[in-house]
Amino acid sequence: MRIVYQAANLMDAHLVRHALEWADIPAFVRGEALVGGIGELPAFGLVSVAVPDSAWEQALAIVDQLGFGSNATAERDGIPSQGGACPA
């Protein structure tokens, strides 16, 4: 799985996930369960949207079209991809 979008909040993450699923790209919202820990965890960088490696380029193009800002290109901005299974 590769991160295609670093979300500012859960709503943005789910909007991106739904747009990707509408395009038949499986997407996973990572860090959703961590949002309740704000105050004990860092306030930013908790929630992201990941897609399978094989669909990353197509997903990135879709996310770029959504126009959510510069964090839509997560890996190009230096956020490393996470190999293996995505933790819930």
C-alpha atoms as a PDB file:
ATOM      1  CA  MET A   1       0.000   0.000   0.000  1.00  0.00           C
ATOM      2  CA  ARG A   2       1.160   3.525  -0.774  1.00  0.00           C
ATOM      3  CA  ILE A   3      -0.063   6.800   0.651  1.00  0.00           C
ATOM      4  CA  VAL A   4      -1.784   8.896  -1.971  1.00  0.00           C
ATOM      5  CA  TYR A   5      -3.190  11.608   0.297  1.00  0.00           C
ATOM      6  CA  GLN A   6      -2.193  13.001   3.699  1.00  0.00           C
ATOM      7  CA  ALA A   7      -5.486  14.299   5.107  1.00  0.00           C
ATOM      8  CA  ALA A   8      -6.010  17.291   7.355  1.00  0.00           C
ATOM      9  CA  ASN A   9      -9.096  15.654   8.861  1.00  0.00           C
ATOM     10  CA  LEU A  10     -11.359  12.601   8.592  1.00  0.00           C
ATOM     11  CA  MET A  11     -13.852  14.304   6.309  1.00  0.00           C
ATOM     12  CA  ASP A  12     -11.213  15.044   3.665  1.00  0.00           C
ATOM     13  CA  ALA A  13      -9.869  11.502   3.933  1.00  0.00           C
ATOM     14  CA  HIS A  14     -13.278   9.954   3.374  1.00  0.00           C
ATOM     15  CA  LEU A  15     -14.056  12.295   0.461  1.00  0.00           C
ATOM     16  CA  VAL A  16     -10.848  11.163  -1.211  1.00  0.00           C
ATOM     17  CA  ARG A  17     -11.553   7.508  -0.418  1.00  0.00           C
ATOM     18  CA  HIS A  18     -15.030   7.749  -1.935  1.00  0.00           C
ATOM     19  CA  ALA A  19     -13.695   9.451  -5.077  1.00  0.00           C
ATOM     20  CA  LEU A  20     -11.122   6.692  -5.496  1.00  0.00           C
ATOM     21  CA  GLU A  21     -13.632   3.911  -4.902  1.00  0.00           C
ATOM     22  CA  TRP A  22     -15.970   5.555  -7.427  1.00  0.00           C
ATOM     23  CA  ALA A  23     -13.112   5.142  -9.935  1.00  0.00           C
ATOM     24  CA  ASP A  24     -12.827   1.441  -8.948  1.00  0.00           C
ATOM     25  CA  ILE A  25      -9.612   1.947  -6.969  1.00  0.00           C
ATOM     26  CA  PRO A  26      -9.614   0.276  -3.556  1.00  0.00           C
ATOM     27  CA  ALA A  27      -8.667   2.801  -0.879  1.00  0.00           C
ATOM     28  CA  PHE A  28      -8.020   2.578   2.849  1.00  0.00           C
ATOM     29  CA  VAL A  29      -8.188   5.391   5.417  1.00  0.00           C
ATOM     30  CA  ARG A  30      -5.222   4.977   7.755  1.00  0.00           C
ATOM     31  CA  GLY A  31      -5.102   6.416  11.261  1.00  0.00           C
ATOM     32  CA  GLU A  32      -8.837   6.925  11.655  1.00  0.00           C
ATOM     33  CA  ALA A  33      -8.824   5.362  15.108  1.00  0.00           C
ATOM     34  CA  LEU A  34      -5.952   7.616  16.215  1.00  0.00           C
ATOM     35  CA  VAL A  35      -7.953  10.839  15.927  1.00  0.00           C
ATOM     36  CA  GLY A  36      -9.430  10.277  19.389  1.00  0.00           C
ATOM     37  CA  GLY A  37      -5.929  10.468  20.834  1.00  0.00           C
ATOM     38  CA  ILE A  38      -5.308  14.087  19.844  1.00  0.00           C
ATOM     39  CA  GLY A  39      -3.786  15.791  22.835  1.00  0.00           C
ATOM     40  CA  GLU A  40      -1.662  12.761  23.554  1.00  0.00           C
ATOM     41  CA  LEU A  41      -0.567  12.287  19.933  1.00  0.00           C
ATOM     42  CA  PRO A  42       0.641  14.866  17.424  1.00  0.00           C
ATOM     43  CA  ALA A  43      -2.269  16.868  15.999  1.00  0.00           C
ATOM     44  CA  PHE A  44      -1.152  16.511  12.376  1.00  0.00           C
ATOM     45  CA  GLY A  45      -0.164  13.640  10.128  1.00  0.00           C
ATOM     46  CA  LEU A  46      -2.427  11.049  11.707  1.00  0.00           C
ATOM     47  CA  VAL A  47      -4.875  10.405   8.861  1.00  0.00           C
ATOM     48  CA  SER A  48      -3.975   9.388   5.325  1.00  0.00           C
ATOM     49  CA  VAL A  49      -5.458   7.515   2.391  1.00  0.00           C
ATOM     50  CA  ALA A  50      -3.560   4.559   0.963  1.00  0.00           C
ATOM     51  CA  VAL A  51      -4.065   2.541  -2.219  1.00  0.00           C
ATOM     52  CA  PRO A  52      -2.444  -0.609  -3.637  1.00  0.00           C
ATOM     53  CA  ASP A  53       0.957  -0.043  -5.247  1.00  0.00           C
ATOM     54  CA  SER A  54      -0.398  -0.980  -8.670  1.00  0.00           C
ATOM     55  CA  ALA A  55      -3.065   1.759  -8.552  1.00  0.00           C
ATOM     56  CA  TRP A  56      -0.941   4.552  -7.036  1.00  0.00           C
ATOM     57  CA  GLU A  57      -0.306   6.562 -10.212  1.00  0.00           C
ATOM     58  CA  GLN A  58      -3.946   6.451 -11.298  1.00  0.00           C
ATOM     59  CA  ALA A  59      -5.087   7.325  -7.768  1.00  0.00           C
ATOM     60  CA  LEU A  60      -2.632  10.211  -7.539  1.00  0.00           C
ATOM     61  CA  ALA A  61      -4.031  11.692 -10.755  1.00  0.00           C
ATOM     62  CA  ILE A  62      -7.568  11.499  -9.337  1.00  0.00           C
ATOM     63  CA  VAL A  63      -6.541  13.076  -6.035  1.00  0.00           C
ATOM     64  CA  ASP A  64      -4.736  15.878  -7.869  1.00  0.00           C
ATOM     65  CA  GLN A  65      -7.960  16.615  -9.791  1.00  0.00           C
ATOM     66  CA  LEU A  66      -9.874  16.971  -6.526  1.00  0.00           C
ATOM     67  CA  GLY A  67      -7.878  20.093  -5.727  1.00  0.00           C
ATOM     68  CA  PHE A  68      -7.484  19.633  -1.972  1.00  0.00           C
ATOM     69  CA  GLY A  69      -4.112  21.378  -1.984  1.00  0.00           C
ATOM     70  CA  SER A  70      -0.464  20.482  -1.909  1.00  0.00           C
ATOM     71  CA  ASN A  71      -0.822  17.594   0.546  1.00  0.00           C
ATOM     72  CA  ALA A  72      -2.623  15.618  -2.153  1.00  0.00           C
ATOM     73  CA  THR A  73       0.756  14.551  -3.498  1.00  0.00           C
ATOM     74  CA  ALA A  74       1.972  12.941  -0.301  1.00  0.00           C
ATOM     75  CA  GLU A  75       4.891  10.876  -1.521  1.00  0.00           C
ATOM     76  CA  ARG A  76       6.135  13.565  -3.869  1.00  0.00           C
ATOM     77  CA  ASP A  77       6.279  15.913  -0.876  1.00  0.00           C
ATOM     78  CA  GLY A  78       8.494  13.567   1.111  1.00  0.00           C
ATOM     79  CA  ILE A  79       5.994  11.418   3.023  1.00  0.00           C
ATOM     80  CA  PRO A  80       7.373   7.876   2.638  1.00  0.00           C
ATOM     81  CA  SER A  81       5.178   5.010   1.523  1.00  0.00           C
ATOM     82  CA  GLN A  82       4.437   2.324   4.060  1.00  0.00           C
ATOM     83  CA  GLY A  83       5.091  -1.188   2.816  1.00  0.00           C
ATOM     84  CA  GLY A  84       3.021  -4.165   3.862  1.00  0.00           C
ATOM     85  CA  ALA A  85      -0.357  -4.179   5.508  1.00  0.00           C
ATOM     86  CA  CYS A  86      -1.879  -0.951   6.719  1.00  0.00           C
ATOM     87  CA  PRO A  87      -2.527  -0.814  10.449  1.00  0.00           C
ATOM     88  CA  ALA A  88      -6.030   0.154  11.503  1.00  0.00           C
END
